[in-house]
């Protein structure tokens, strides 16, 4: 079995971009990502012209699948969505002046995350127990009393009781 040799790891970033553009699946993903980045820049510029540049970071933009004439805007809150609905004709006009051909814009509110979602624990360190509690100490002492003097367990239990006092 002859396999192709591994590519050298000494490629520069430019070489890898060329590789991504040439490959079948990755090239298409890279092209779509670049198109969405350009769309975001044009949309932000149009919002600034309409004096609504502060809404730019709150909007995720994309084309409706299958067509590049219907723009899809996903926002976090209903207030942002209603403000965008009010300026849609002006926004479409500003986008067309920027060279972006778009006939309609759909604005949708992003669904809220479920309330049951597991949230990461705060970075607090738990306190480690300092010694044995009263019940545990009593239990170990009663076991120690029941052991024979020459038992192999006797010395480890005595050591435990000495090192873990409460």
N, C-alpha and C. Protein backbone atom coordinates (compact mmCIF):
# COMPACT_ATOMS: atom_id res chain seq x y z
N UNK A 1 0.83 -1.17 0.00
CA UNK A 1 0.00 0.00 0.00
C UNK A 1 0.88 1.24 0.00
N UNK A 2 0.73 2.02 -1.00
CA UNK A 2 1.46 3.28 -1.07
C UNK A 2 0.51 4.42 -0.76
N UNK A 3 0.85 5.16 0.27
CA UNK A 3 0.06 6.33 0.64
C UNK A 3 0.79 7.58 0.20
N UNK A 4 0.02 8.62 -0.03
CA UNK A 4 0.65 9.91 -0.34
C UNK A 4 1.40 10.40 0.89
N UNK A 5 2.55 11.01 0.70
CA UNK A 5 3.29 11.50 1.87
C UNK A 5 2.53 12.63 2.55
N UNK A 6 2.76 12.74 3.84
CA UNK A 6 2.13 13.81 4.60
C UNK A 6 2.63 15.16 4.11
N UNK A 7 1.75 16.16 4.07
CA UNK A 7 2.21 17.48 3.66
C UNK A 7 3.11 18.08 4.75
N UNK A 8 3.99 18.93 4.33
CA UNK A 8 4.91 19.58 5.27
C UNK A 8 4.13 20.53 6.16
N UNK A 9 4.55 20.66 7.40
CA UNK A 9 3.89 21.56 8.36
C UNK A 9 4.48 22.96 8.28
N UNK A 10 5.31 23.21 7.31
CA UNK A 10 5.96 24.51 7.22
C UNK A 10 5.27 25.42 6.20
N UNK A 11 3.98 25.19 5.94
CA UNK A 11 3.24 26.05 5.02
C UNK A 11 2.89 27.35 5.70
N UNK A 12 2.85 28.39 4.93
CA UNK A 12 2.43 29.68 5.49
C UNK A 12 0.91 29.76 5.43
N UNK A 13 0.34 30.77 6.07
CA UNK A 13 -1.12 30.94 6.11
C UNK A 13 -1.67 31.12 4.70
N UNK A 14 -0.94 31.80 3.84
CA UNK A 14 -1.41 32.03 2.48
C UNK A 14 -1.58 30.71 1.73
N UNK A 15 -0.65 29.78 1.92
CA UNK A 15 -0.75 28.48 1.26
C UNK A 15 -2.01 27.74 1.70
N UNK A 16 -2.36 27.82 2.98
CA UNK A 16 -3.54 27.11 3.47
C UNK A 16 -4.82 27.74 2.94
N UNK A 17 -4.86 29.05 2.78
CA UNK A 17 -6.04 29.71 2.19
C UNK A 17 -6.23 29.21 0.77
N UNK A 18 -5.13 29.10 0.01
CA UNK A 18 -5.23 28.57 -1.35
C UNK A 18 -5.74 27.14 -1.33
N UNK A 19 -5.27 26.36 -0.38
CA UNK A 19 -5.72 24.97 -0.26
C UNK A 19 -7.23 24.92 0.02
N UNK A 20 -7.70 25.78 0.92
CA UNK A 20 -9.14 25.80 1.24
C UNK A 20 -9.98 26.21 0.03
N UNK A 21 -9.48 27.16 -0.74
CA UNK A 21 -10.23 27.61 -1.92
C UNK A 21 -10.29 26.53 -2.99
N UNK A 22 -9.23 25.74 -3.11
CA UNK A 22 -9.18 24.73 -4.15
C UNK A 22 -9.97 23.47 -3.81
N UNK A 23 -10.11 23.14 -2.55
CA UNK A 23 -10.79 21.91 -2.18
C UNK A 23 -12.28 22.03 -2.45
N UNK A 24 -12.92 20.91 -2.66
CA UNK A 24 -14.33 20.91 -3.06
C UNK A 24 -15.24 21.44 -1.96
N UNK A 25 -15.30 20.77 -0.82
CA UNK A 25 -16.24 21.16 0.22
C UNK A 25 -15.82 22.38 0.99
N UNK A 26 -14.54 22.46 1.34
CA UNK A 26 -14.06 23.56 2.15
C UNK A 26 -14.06 24.88 1.39
N UNK A 27 -13.81 24.84 0.10
CA UNK A 27 -13.81 26.05 -0.70
C UNK A 27 -15.17 26.71 -0.71
N UNK A 28 -16.20 25.90 -0.79
CA UNK A 28 -17.57 26.43 -0.79
C UNK A 28 -17.91 27.05 0.57
N UNK A 29 -17.49 26.40 1.65
CA UNK A 29 -17.74 26.94 2.99
C UNK A 29 -16.99 28.25 3.18
N UNK A 30 -15.74 28.31 2.73
CA UNK A 30 -14.95 29.53 2.84
C UNK A 30 -15.59 30.66 2.04
N UNK A 31 -16.08 30.36 0.84
CA UNK A 31 -16.70 31.38 0.00
C UNK A 31 -17.97 31.93 0.67
N UNK A 32 -18.79 31.04 1.25
CA UNK A 32 -20.00 31.49 1.93
C UNK A 32 -19.66 32.34 3.15
N UNK A 33 -18.62 31.96 3.87
CA UNK A 33 -18.19 32.73 5.04
C UNK A 33 -17.71 34.11 4.64
N UNK A 34 -16.95 34.19 3.55
CA UNK A 34 -16.49 35.49 3.07
C UNK A 34 -17.66 36.35 2.61
N UNK A 35 -18.65 35.73 1.94
CA UNK A 35 -19.84 36.47 1.50
C UNK A 35 -20.62 37.02 2.68
N UNK A 36 -20.77 36.21 3.74
CA UNK A 36 -21.49 36.67 4.93
C UNK A 36 -20.73 37.80 5.63
N UNK A 37 -19.41 37.74 5.63
CA UNK A 37 -18.61 38.81 6.24
C UNK A 37 -18.79 40.11 5.46
N UNK A 38 -18.79 40.02 4.12
CA UNK A 38 -19.02 41.21 3.29
C UNK A 38 -20.43 41.76 3.51
N UNK A 39 -21.41 40.86 3.59
CA UNK A 39 -22.79 41.26 3.83
C UNK A 39 -22.90 42.01 5.15
N UNK A 40 -22.25 41.52 6.18
CA UNK A 40 -22.28 42.17 7.50
C UNK A 40 -21.68 43.57 7.43
N UNK A 41 -20.60 43.73 6.68
CA UNK A 41 -19.95 45.04 6.54
C UNK A 41 -20.88 46.01 5.81
N UNK A 42 -21.50 45.56 4.71
CA UNK A 42 -22.41 46.41 3.95
C UNK A 42 -23.63 46.77 4.79
N UNK A 43 -24.17 45.81 5.53
CA UNK A 43 -25.33 46.06 6.38
C UNK A 43 -25.00 47.07 7.47
N UNK A 44 -23.83 46.93 8.11
CA UNK A 44 -23.43 47.88 9.14
C UNK A 44 -23.27 49.28 8.56
N UNK A 45 -22.71 49.39 7.35
CA UNK A 45 -22.55 50.70 6.71
C UNK A 45 -23.92 51.33 6.43
N UNK A 46 -24.88 50.51 5.96
CA UNK A 46 -26.23 51.02 5.68
C UNK A 46 -26.91 51.47 6.97
N UNK A 47 -26.73 50.71 8.06
CA UNK A 47 -27.32 51.10 9.34
C UNK A 47 -26.71 52.40 9.86
N UNK A 48 -25.43 52.60 9.63
CA UNK A 48 -24.78 53.84 10.06
C UNK A 48 -25.34 55.02 9.27
N UNK A 49 -25.58 54.82 7.97
CA UNK A 49 -26.17 55.89 7.15
C UNK A 49 -27.57 56.25 7.66
N UNK A 50 -28.29 55.27 8.20
CA UNK A 50 -29.63 55.52 8.71
C UNK A 50 -29.61 55.92 10.19
N UNK A 51 -28.42 56.17 10.71
CA UNK A 51 -28.21 56.57 12.10
C UNK A 51 -28.66 55.50 13.09
N UNK A 52 -28.49 54.23 12.70
CA UNK A 52 -28.82 53.11 13.56
C UNK A 52 -27.64 52.14 13.69
N UNK A 53 -26.44 52.69 13.64
CA UNK A 53 -25.23 51.87 13.70
C UNK A 53 -25.11 51.06 14.98
N UNK A 54 -25.75 51.54 16.06
CA UNK A 54 -25.68 50.82 17.34
C UNK A 54 -26.41 49.47 17.29
N UNK A 55 -27.25 49.27 16.27
CA UNK A 55 -27.96 47.99 16.15
C UNK A 55 -27.13 46.92 15.44
N UNK A 56 -26.07 47.32 14.79
CA UNK A 56 -25.24 46.39 14.01
C UNK A 56 -24.80 45.15 14.76
N UNK A 57 -24.23 45.28 15.96
CA UNK A 57 -23.78 44.07 16.67
C UNK A 57 -24.92 43.16 17.12
N UNK A 58 -26.14 43.66 17.13
CA UNK A 58 -27.27 42.87 17.61
C UNK A 58 -27.96 42.09 16.49
N UNK A 59 -27.42 42.17 15.27
CA UNK A 59 -28.06 41.56 14.11
C UNK A 59 -27.16 40.50 13.49
N UNK A 60 -27.74 39.34 13.21
CA UNK A 60 -27.07 38.30 12.43
C UNK A 60 -27.76 38.28 11.07
N UNK A 61 -26.98 38.43 10.00
CA UNK A 61 -27.56 38.53 8.67
C UNK A 61 -27.20 37.30 7.84
N UNK A 62 -28.08 36.96 6.92
CA UNK A 62 -27.83 35.86 6.00
C UNK A 62 -28.87 35.85 4.90
N UNK A 63 -28.57 35.13 3.84
CA UNK A 63 -29.51 35.02 2.74
C UNK A 63 -30.43 33.84 2.98
N UNK A 64 -31.66 33.98 2.55
CA UNK A 64 -32.57 32.85 2.63
C UNK A 64 -32.06 31.77 1.71
N UNK A 65 -32.10 30.54 2.14
CA UNK A 65 -31.51 29.45 1.36
C UNK A 65 -32.16 29.36 -0.01
N UNK A 66 -31.33 29.27 -1.03
CA UNK A 66 -31.81 29.11 -2.39
C UNK A 66 -31.89 30.40 -3.17
N UNK A 67 -31.91 31.54 -2.52
CA UNK A 67 -32.02 32.80 -3.24
C UNK A 67 -31.15 33.86 -2.60
N UNK A 68 -30.70 34.81 -3.40
CA UNK A 68 -29.93 35.93 -2.86
C UNK A 68 -30.70 37.22 -3.05
N UNK A 69 -32.02 37.13 -3.07
CA UNK A 69 -32.84 38.33 -3.20
C UNK A 69 -33.60 38.62 -1.91
N UNK A 70 -33.66 37.65 -1.01
CA UNK A 70 -34.36 37.84 0.24
C UNK A 70 -33.36 37.74 1.39
N UNK A 71 -33.17 38.86 2.07
CA UNK A 71 -32.24 38.94 3.18
C UNK A 71 -32.95 38.53 4.46
N UNK A 72 -32.25 37.82 5.31
CA UNK A 72 -32.81 37.31 6.55
C UNK A 72 -32.01 37.90 7.71
N UNK A 73 -32.69 38.64 8.60
CA UNK A 73 -32.03 39.24 9.75
C UNK A 73 -32.54 38.60 11.02
N UNK A 74 -31.63 38.10 11.83
CA UNK A 74 -31.97 37.45 13.09
C UNK A 74 -31.50 38.36 14.22
N UNK A 75 -32.42 38.74 15.12
CA UNK A 75 -32.10 39.68 16.19
C UNK A 75 -32.42 39.06 17.55
N UNK A 76 -31.86 39.64 18.62
CA UNK A 76 -32.04 39.10 19.96
C UNK A 76 -33.34 39.50 20.63
N UNK A 77 -33.86 40.68 20.29
CA UNK A 77 -35.03 41.16 21.03
C UNK A 77 -36.11 41.69 20.09
N UNK A 78 -37.32 41.72 20.62
CA UNK A 78 -38.46 42.20 19.84
C UNK A 78 -38.37 43.70 19.59
N UNK A 79 -37.76 44.44 20.50
CA UNK A 79 -37.64 45.89 20.29
C UNK A 79 -36.73 46.19 19.10
N UNK A 80 -35.64 45.45 18.95
CA UNK A 80 -34.75 45.64 17.79
C UNK A 80 -35.49 45.23 16.52
N UNK A 81 -36.24 44.14 16.58
CA UNK A 81 -37.00 43.67 15.42
C UNK A 81 -38.03 44.70 14.98
N UNK A 82 -38.75 45.28 15.92
CA UNK A 82 -39.77 46.27 15.54
C UNK A 82 -39.13 47.53 14.98
N UNK A 83 -37.96 47.93 15.52
CA UNK A 83 -37.27 49.11 14.98
C UNK A 83 -36.81 48.84 13.56
N UNK A 84 -36.31 47.65 13.29
CA UNK A 84 -35.89 47.30 11.93
C UNK A 84 -37.09 47.24 10.98
N UNK A 85 -38.22 46.73 11.45
CA UNK A 85 -39.43 46.67 10.62
C UNK A 85 -39.84 48.07 10.18
N UNK A 86 -39.66 49.05 11.06
CA UNK A 86 -40.05 50.42 10.75
C UNK A 86 -39.19 51.04 9.65
N UNK A 87 -37.94 50.62 9.54
CA UNK A 87 -37.04 51.25 8.58
C UNK A 87 -36.72 50.34 7.39
N UNK A 88 -37.45 49.26 7.20
CA UNK A 88 -37.13 48.31 6.12
C UNK A 88 -37.04 48.96 4.74
N UNK A 89 -38.00 49.80 4.32
CA UNK A 89 -37.87 50.40 2.98
C UNK A 89 -36.59 51.24 2.85
N UNK A 90 -36.26 51.99 3.87
CA UNK A 90 -35.04 52.81 3.83
C UNK A 90 -33.80 51.91 3.82
N UNK A 91 -33.85 50.82 4.58
CA UNK A 91 -32.72 49.89 4.64
C UNK A 91 -32.50 49.21 3.29
N UNK A 92 -33.59 48.78 2.64
CA UNK A 92 -33.48 48.15 1.32
C UNK A 92 -32.88 49.14 0.33
N UNK A 93 -33.32 50.41 0.40
CA UNK A 93 -32.80 51.44 -0.49
C UNK A 93 -31.32 51.69 -0.24
N UNK A 94 -30.92 51.78 1.03
CA UNK A 94 -29.51 52.01 1.36
C UNK A 94 -28.65 50.83 0.93
N UNK A 95 -29.16 49.61 1.08
CA UNK A 95 -28.39 48.43 0.65
C UNK A 95 -28.23 48.40 -0.86
N UNK A 96 -29.27 48.79 -1.60
CA UNK A 96 -29.18 48.79 -3.06
C UNK A 96 -28.19 49.85 -3.54
N UNK A 97 -28.11 50.99 -2.83
CA UNK A 97 -27.12 52.02 -3.18
C UNK A 97 -25.71 51.53 -2.93
N UNK A 98 -25.55 50.60 -1.99
CA UNK A 98 -24.23 50.03 -1.69
C UNK A 98 -23.86 48.91 -2.65
N UNK A 99 -24.76 48.57 -3.56
CA UNK A 99 -24.47 47.53 -4.55
C UNK A 99 -25.00 46.16 -4.17
N UNK A 100 -25.79 46.08 -3.14
CA UNK A 100 -26.34 44.81 -2.69
C UNK A 100 -27.78 44.70 -3.18
N UNK A 101 -28.03 43.79 -4.10
CA UNK A 101 -29.37 43.64 -4.65
C UNK A 101 -30.21 42.77 -3.73
N UNK A 102 -31.23 43.37 -3.17
CA UNK A 102 -32.09 42.66 -2.24
C UNK A 102 -33.49 43.23 -2.40
N UNK A 103 -34.48 42.34 -2.62
CA UNK A 103 -35.85 42.79 -2.85
C UNK A 103 -36.66 42.84 -1.55
N UNK A 104 -36.44 41.87 -0.67
CA UNK A 104 -37.18 41.82 0.58
C UNK A 104 -36.24 41.49 1.73
N UNK A 105 -36.67 41.89 2.93
CA UNK A 105 -35.92 41.58 4.14
C UNK A 105 -36.90 40.99 5.15
N UNK A 106 -36.54 39.86 5.69
CA UNK A 106 -37.33 39.22 6.75
C UNK A 106 -36.58 39.41 8.06
N UNK A 107 -37.29 39.89 9.08
CA UNK A 107 -36.70 40.09 10.40
C UNK A 107 -37.34 39.10 11.35
N UNK A 108 -36.53 38.34 12.05
CA UNK A 108 -37.03 37.36 13.00
C UNK A 108 -36.29 37.52 14.33
N UNK A 109 -37.00 37.23 15.41
CA UNK A 109 -36.40 37.27 16.74
C UNK A 109 -35.82 35.90 17.04
N UNK A 110 -34.59 35.90 17.50
CA UNK A 110 -33.90 34.65 17.85
C UNK A 110 -34.58 34.05 19.07
N UNK A 111 -34.87 32.76 19.04
CA UNK A 111 -35.50 32.14 20.20
C UNK A 111 -34.59 32.22 21.43
N UNK A 112 -35.23 32.44 22.56
CA UNK A 112 -34.48 32.51 23.82
C UNK A 112 -33.97 31.12 24.18
N UNK A 113 -32.83 31.05 24.86
CA UNK A 113 -32.33 29.74 25.28
C UNK A 113 -33.30 29.13 26.29
N UNK A 114 -33.42 27.82 26.30
CA UNK A 114 -34.35 27.19 27.24
C UNK A 114 -33.96 27.48 28.68
N UNK A 115 -34.97 27.55 29.52
CA UNK A 115 -34.70 27.87 30.93
C UNK A 115 -34.01 26.72 31.66
N UNK A 116 -34.11 25.52 31.12
CA UNK A 116 -33.51 24.36 31.77
C UNK A 116 -32.06 24.14 31.37
N UNK A 117 -31.53 25.00 30.53
CA UNK A 117 -30.16 24.80 30.05
C UNK A 117 -29.18 24.79 31.22
N UNK A 118 -28.22 23.93 31.14
CA UNK A 118 -27.21 23.81 32.18
C UNK A 118 -26.24 24.97 32.01
N UNK A 119 -26.08 25.74 33.06
CA UNK A 119 -25.18 26.88 33.01
C UNK A 119 -23.89 26.49 33.72
N UNK A 120 -22.76 26.99 33.22
CA UNK A 120 -21.50 26.63 33.86
C UNK A 120 -21.42 27.19 35.27
N UNK A 121 -20.80 26.43 36.12
CA UNK A 121 -20.63 26.83 37.52
C UNK A 121 -19.64 27.98 37.61
N UNK A 122 -19.90 28.88 38.51
CA UNK A 122 -18.97 30.01 38.71
C UNK A 122 -17.62 29.46 39.15
N UNK A 123 -16.60 30.18 38.84
CA UNK A 123 -15.24 29.73 39.16
C UNK A 123 -14.92 29.92 40.63
N UNK A 124 -15.64 29.24 41.45
CA UNK A 124 -15.37 29.29 42.88
C UNK A 124 -14.78 27.95 43.30
N UNK A 125 -13.79 28.02 44.14
CA UNK A 125 -13.17 26.78 44.59
C UNK A 125 -13.86 26.32 45.86
N UNK A 126 -14.19 25.05 45.86
CA UNK A 126 -14.85 24.48 47.03
C UNK A 126 -13.85 24.32 48.16
N UNK A 127 -14.36 24.50 49.37
CA UNK A 127 -13.51 24.28 50.53
C UNK A 127 -13.36 22.78 50.76
N UNK A 128 -12.15 22.40 51.00
CA UNK A 128 -11.89 20.99 51.30
C UNK A 128 -12.13 20.76 52.78
N UNK A 129 -12.71 19.62 53.14
CA UNK A 129 -12.91 19.34 54.56
C UNK A 129 -11.58 19.31 55.29
N UNK A 130 -11.56 19.89 56.48
CA UNK A 130 -10.32 19.99 57.25
C UNK A 130 -10.05 18.75 58.10
N UNK A 131 -11.05 18.04 58.47
CA UNK A 131 -10.85 16.87 59.32
C UNK A 131 -12.09 15.99 59.30
N UNK A 132 -12.11 15.05 60.21
CA UNK A 132 -13.24 14.14 60.30
C UNK A 132 -14.34 14.80 61.13
N UNK A 133 -15.59 14.61 60.70
CA UNK A 133 -16.68 15.12 61.54
C UNK A 133 -16.86 14.18 62.73
N UNK A 134 -17.71 14.55 63.66
CA UNK A 134 -17.86 13.80 64.91
C UNK A 134 -18.31 12.37 64.68
N UNK A 135 -19.24 12.17 63.77
CA UNK A 135 -19.76 10.82 63.50
C UNK A 135 -18.67 9.93 62.91
N UNK A 136 -17.93 10.49 61.94
CA UNK A 136 -16.87 9.70 61.30
C UNK A 136 -15.77 9.35 62.30
N UNK A 137 -15.40 10.33 63.13
CA UNK A 137 -14.34 10.08 64.12
C UNK A 137 -14.75 8.99 65.11
N UNK A 138 -16.00 9.05 65.56
CA UNK A 138 -16.51 8.05 66.50
C UNK A 138 -16.51 6.66 65.87
N UNK A 139 -16.90 6.62 64.57
CA UNK A 139 -16.95 5.34 63.86
C UNK A 139 -15.55 4.74 63.73
N UNK A 140 -14.55 5.55 63.37
CA UNK A 140 -13.19 5.06 63.25
C UNK A 140 -12.65 4.61 64.61
N UNK A 141 -12.95 5.35 65.66
CA UNK A 141 -12.49 4.98 67.00
C UNK A 141 -13.10 3.66 67.46
N UNK A 142 -14.40 3.45 67.15
CA UNK A 142 -15.03 2.18 67.55
C UNK A 142 -14.43 1.01 66.78
N UNK A 143 -14.08 1.24 65.50
CA UNK A 143 -13.41 0.19 64.73
C UNK A 143 -12.03 -0.10 65.32
N UNK A 144 -11.32 0.92 65.74
CA UNK A 144 -9.99 0.76 66.32
C UNK A 144 -10.05 -0.06 67.61
N UNK A 145 -11.09 0.14 68.42
CA UNK A 145 -11.26 -0.61 69.67
C UNK A 145 -11.52 -2.08 69.40
N UNK A 146 -12.17 -2.39 68.28
CA UNK A 146 -12.53 -3.78 67.97
C UNK A 146 -11.36 -4.56 67.37
N UNK A 147 -10.34 -3.85 66.86
CA UNK A 147 -9.21 -4.52 66.22
C UNK A 147 -8.24 -5.08 67.25
N UNK A 148 -7.59 -6.19 66.89
CA UNK A 148 -6.58 -6.79 67.76
C UNK A 148 -5.32 -5.92 67.74
N UNK A 149 -4.53 -5.96 68.77
CA UNK A 149 -3.32 -5.11 68.83
C UNK A 149 -2.33 -5.37 67.71
N UNK A 150 -2.24 -6.58 67.18
CA UNK A 150 -1.27 -6.87 66.12
C UNK A 150 -1.90 -6.83 64.72
N UNK A 151 -3.07 -6.23 64.56
CA UNK A 151 -3.77 -6.15 63.27
C UNK A 151 -3.03 -5.19 62.33
N UNK A 152 -3.05 -5.52 61.05
CA UNK A 152 -2.40 -4.67 60.03
C UNK A 152 -3.15 -3.36 59.81
N UNK A 153 -4.43 -3.31 60.14
CA UNK A 153 -5.23 -2.10 59.97
C UNK A 153 -5.06 -1.11 61.10
N UNK A 154 -4.57 -1.59 62.24
CA UNK A 154 -4.52 -0.74 63.44
C UNK A 154 -3.63 0.50 63.22
N UNK A 155 -2.45 0.33 62.69
CA UNK A 155 -1.54 1.47 62.54
C UNK A 155 -2.07 2.50 61.51
N UNK A 156 -2.62 2.10 60.36
CA UNK A 156 -3.17 3.12 59.44
C UNK A 156 -4.34 3.90 60.05
N UNK A 157 -5.20 3.21 60.82
CA UNK A 157 -6.34 3.91 61.43
C UNK A 157 -5.85 4.87 62.50
N UNK A 158 -4.84 4.48 63.30
CA UNK A 158 -4.28 5.38 64.30
C UNK A 158 -3.67 6.62 63.63
N UNK A 159 -3.00 6.40 62.50
CA UNK A 159 -2.40 7.51 61.74
C UNK A 159 -3.48 8.43 61.21
N UNK A 160 -4.57 7.86 60.70
CA UNK A 160 -5.69 8.65 60.19
C UNK A 160 -6.29 9.52 61.29
N UNK A 161 -6.48 8.94 62.46
CA UNK A 161 -7.07 9.70 63.57
C UNK A 161 -6.14 10.80 64.07
N UNK A 162 -4.83 10.60 63.94
CA UNK A 162 -3.88 11.64 64.36
C UNK A 162 -3.78 12.78 63.36
N UNK A 163 -3.83 12.45 62.05
CA UNK A 163 -3.64 13.47 61.01
C UNK A 163 -4.91 14.21 60.63
N UNK A 164 -6.07 13.63 60.95
CA UNK A 164 -7.34 14.25 60.58
C UNK A 164 -8.20 14.60 61.78
N UNK A 165 -7.66 15.34 62.73
CA UNK A 165 -8.51 15.68 63.89
C UNK A 165 -9.49 16.78 63.50
N UNK A 166 -10.50 16.94 64.34
CA UNK A 166 -11.48 17.99 64.06
C UNK A 166 -11.42 19.04 65.11
